[in-house]
């Protein structure tokens, strides 16, 4: 697992905001320290060197988000080029 960043705060839409030194693709799965799927990348914004990343949390993990501020989240170290992309339909 590769460190994505620490949770800095929770947005008013219920998304977790992380400051990171990398830019993951939209839809990239995000994991907890215990390697459990936690959510997906829903937005990347701010400066290019250290962007803010918005994480859409899976419903089962959405309880007590305030307790998670300061926790570290991770992405898979082996990147899959198809994450966040839609499959093309065959004609």
C-alpha atoms as a PDB file:
ATOM      1  CA  UNK A   1       0.000   0.000   0.000  1.00  0.00           C
ATOM      2  CA  UNK A   2       1.136   3.512  -0.771  1.00  0.00           C
ATOM      3  CA  UNK A   3       0.327   6.380   1.568  1.00  0.00           C
ATOM      4  CA  UNK A   4      -2.190   8.811   0.081  1.00  0.00           C
ATOM      5  CA  UNK A   5      -2.298  11.271   2.964  1.00  0.00           C
ATOM      6  CA  UNK A   6      -3.862  12.205   6.284  1.00  0.00           C
ATOM      7  CA  UNK A   7      -7.487  13.233   6.655  1.00  0.00           C
ATOM      8  CA  UNK A   8      -7.517  16.972   7.316  1.00  0.00           C
ATOM      9  CA  UNK A   9     -11.253  17.556   7.638  1.00  0.00           C
ATOM     10  CA  UNK A  10     -14.751  16.621   6.484  1.00  0.00           C
ATOM     11  CA  UNK A  11     -16.517  18.706   3.861  1.00  0.00           C
ATOM     12  CA  UNK A  12     -20.079  19.940   4.278  1.00  0.00           C
ATOM     13  CA  UNK A  13     -21.092  17.267   1.720  1.00  0.00           C
ATOM     14  CA  UNK A  14     -19.739  14.477   3.913  1.00  0.00           C
ATOM     15  CA  UNK A  15     -16.562  13.858   1.922  1.00  0.00           C
ATOM     16  CA  UNK A  16     -13.169  13.395   3.539  1.00  0.00           C
ATOM     17  CA  UNK A  17     -10.534  15.896   2.464  1.00  0.00           C
ATOM     18  CA  UNK A  18      -6.892  14.818   2.299  1.00  0.00           C
ATOM     19  CA  UNK A  19      -3.756  16.798   1.446  1.00  0.00           C
ATOM     20  CA  UNK A  20      -1.406  14.654  -0.616  1.00  0.00           C
ATOM     21  CA  UNK A  21       1.821  14.794  -2.592  1.00  0.00           C
ATOM     22  CA  UNK A  22       0.413  12.702  -5.436  1.00  0.00           C
ATOM     23  CA  UNK A  23      -2.503  12.937  -7.835  1.00  0.00           C
ATOM     24  CA  UNK A  24      -4.558   9.741  -8.078  1.00  0.00           C
ATOM     25  CA  UNK A  25      -7.137   9.123 -10.809  1.00  0.00           C
ATOM     26  CA  UNK A  26     -10.826   9.649 -10.219  1.00  0.00           C
ATOM     27  CA  UNK A  27     -12.481   6.490  -8.948  1.00  0.00           C
ATOM     28  CA  UNK A  28      -9.264   5.060  -7.472  1.00  0.00           C
ATOM     29  CA  UNK A  29     -10.085   2.869  -4.446  1.00  0.00           C
ATOM     30  CA  UNK A  30      -8.875   4.172  -1.092  1.00  0.00           C
ATOM     31  CA  UNK A  31      -7.970   1.869   1.806  1.00  0.00           C
ATOM     32  CA  UNK A  32      -7.498   2.071   5.572  1.00  0.00           C
ATOM     33  CA  UNK A  33      -4.397   0.964   7.422  1.00  0.00           C
ATOM     34  CA  UNK A  34      -5.922  -2.513   7.756  1.00  0.00           C
ATOM     35  CA  UNK A  35      -6.187  -2.736   3.947  1.00  0.00           C
ATOM     36  CA  UNK A  36      -9.988  -2.509   3.988  1.00  0.00           C
ATOM     37  CA  UNK A  37     -11.685  -0.636   1.144  1.00  0.00           C
ATOM     38  CA  UNK A  38     -12.872   2.660   2.551  1.00  0.00           C
ATOM     39  CA  UNK A  39     -14.004   4.757  -0.409  1.00  0.00           C
ATOM     40  CA  UNK A  40     -13.006   6.213  -3.755  1.00  0.00           C
ATOM     41  CA  UNK A  41     -11.367   9.384  -5.050  1.00  0.00           C
ATOM     42  CA  UNK A  42     -14.168  11.730  -6.113  1.00  0.00           C
ATOM     43  CA  UNK A  43     -12.291  14.965  -6.794  1.00  0.00           C
ATOM     44  CA  UNK A  44      -8.787  16.431  -6.946  1.00  0.00           C
ATOM     45  CA  UNK A  45      -8.343  20.192  -6.556  1.00  0.00           C
ATOM     46  CA  UNK A  46      -5.909  22.873  -5.461  1.00  0.00           C
ATOM     47  CA  UNK A  47      -2.210  23.239  -6.239  1.00  0.00           C
ATOM     48  CA  UNK A  48      -0.621  20.620  -8.483  1.00  0.00           C
ATOM     49  CA  UNK A  49       2.343  19.880  -6.208  1.00  0.00           C
ATOM     50  CA  UNK A  50       0.256  19.152  -3.114  1.00  0.00           C
ATOM     51  CA  UNK A  51      -3.387  18.767  -4.181  1.00  0.00           C
ATOM     52  CA  UNK A  52      -6.405  18.258  -1.996  1.00  0.00           C
ATOM     53  CA  UNK A  53      -8.232  15.008  -2.589  1.00  0.00           C
ATOM     54  CA  UNK A  54     -11.911  14.482  -1.875  1.00  0.00           C
ATOM     55  CA  UNK A  55     -12.824  10.923  -0.837  1.00  0.00           C
ATOM     56  CA  UNK A  56     -16.349   9.584  -1.242  1.00  0.00           C
ATOM     57  CA  UNK A  57     -16.785   7.193   1.666  1.00  0.00           C
ATOM     58  CA  UNK A  58     -18.660   3.902   1.247  1.00  0.00           C
ATOM     59  CA  UNK A  59     -21.981   3.932   3.145  1.00  0.00           C
ATOM     60  CA  UNK A  60     -20.944   1.246   5.622  1.00  0.00           C
ATOM     61  CA  UNK A  61     -17.916   3.355   6.642  1.00  0.00           C
ATOM     62  CA  UNK A  62     -19.757   6.664   6.979  1.00  0.00           C
ATOM     63  CA  UNK A  63     -20.436   6.478  10.719  1.00  0.00           C
ATOM     64  CA  UNK A  64     -18.419   8.720  13.074  1.00  0.00           C
ATOM     65  CA  UNK A  65     -16.354  10.424  10.383  1.00  0.00           C
ATOM     66  CA  UNK A  66     -15.294  13.111  12.862  1.00  0.00           C
ATOM     67  CA  UNK A  67     -13.286  10.471  14.743  1.00  0.00           C
ATOM     68  CA  UNK A  68     -11.204   9.771  11.614  1.00  0.00           C
ATOM     69  CA  UNK A  69      -9.623  13.222  11.263  1.00  0.00           C
ATOM     70  CA  UNK A  70      -5.848  12.741  11.354  1.00  0.00           C
ATOM     71  CA  UNK A  71      -5.960   9.101  10.208  1.00  0.00           C
ATOM     72  CA  UNK A  72      -3.860   7.998   7.224  1.00  0.00           C
ATOM     73  CA  UNK A  73      -5.446   6.560   4.080  1.00  0.00           C
ATOM     74  CA  UNK A  74      -3.740   4.548   1.352  1.00  0.00           C
ATOM     75  CA  UNK A  75      -4.032   3.557  -2.310  1.00  0.00           C
ATOM     76  CA  UNK A  76      -2.804   0.344  -3.881  1.00  0.00           C
ATOM     77  CA  UNK A  77       0.904   0.575  -4.684  1.00  0.00           C
ATOM     78  CA  UNK A  78       0.443  -1.269  -7.963  1.00  0.00           C
ATOM     79  CA  UNK A  79      -1.594   1.074 -10.124  1.00  0.00           C
ATOM     80  CA  UNK A  80      -4.206  -0.263 -12.475  1.00  0.00           C
ATOM     81  CA  UNK A  81      -4.555   1.847 -15.619  1.00  0.00           C
ATOM     82  CA  UNK A  82      -8.259   1.066 -15.854  1.00  0.00           C
ATOM     83  CA  UNK A  83      -9.283   2.513 -12.475  1.00  0.00           C
ATOM     84  CA  UNK A  84     -11.750   5.307 -12.915  1.00  0.00           C
ATOM     85  CA  UNK A  85     -12.308   4.596 -16.604  1.00  0.00           C
ATOM     86  CA  UNK A  86     -15.469   3.324 -18.193  1.00  0.00           C
ATOM     87  CA  UNK A  87     -15.398   0.289 -20.401  1.00  0.00           C
ATOM     88  CA  UNK A  88     -15.952   0.954 -24.070  1.00  0.00           C
ATOM     89  CA  UNK A  89     -18.879  -0.706 -25.690  1.00  0.00           C
ATOM     90  CA  UNK A  90     -18.211  -2.922 -28.647  1.00  0.00           C
ATOM     91  CA  UNK A  91     -20.093  -1.846 -31.743  1.00  0.00           C
END
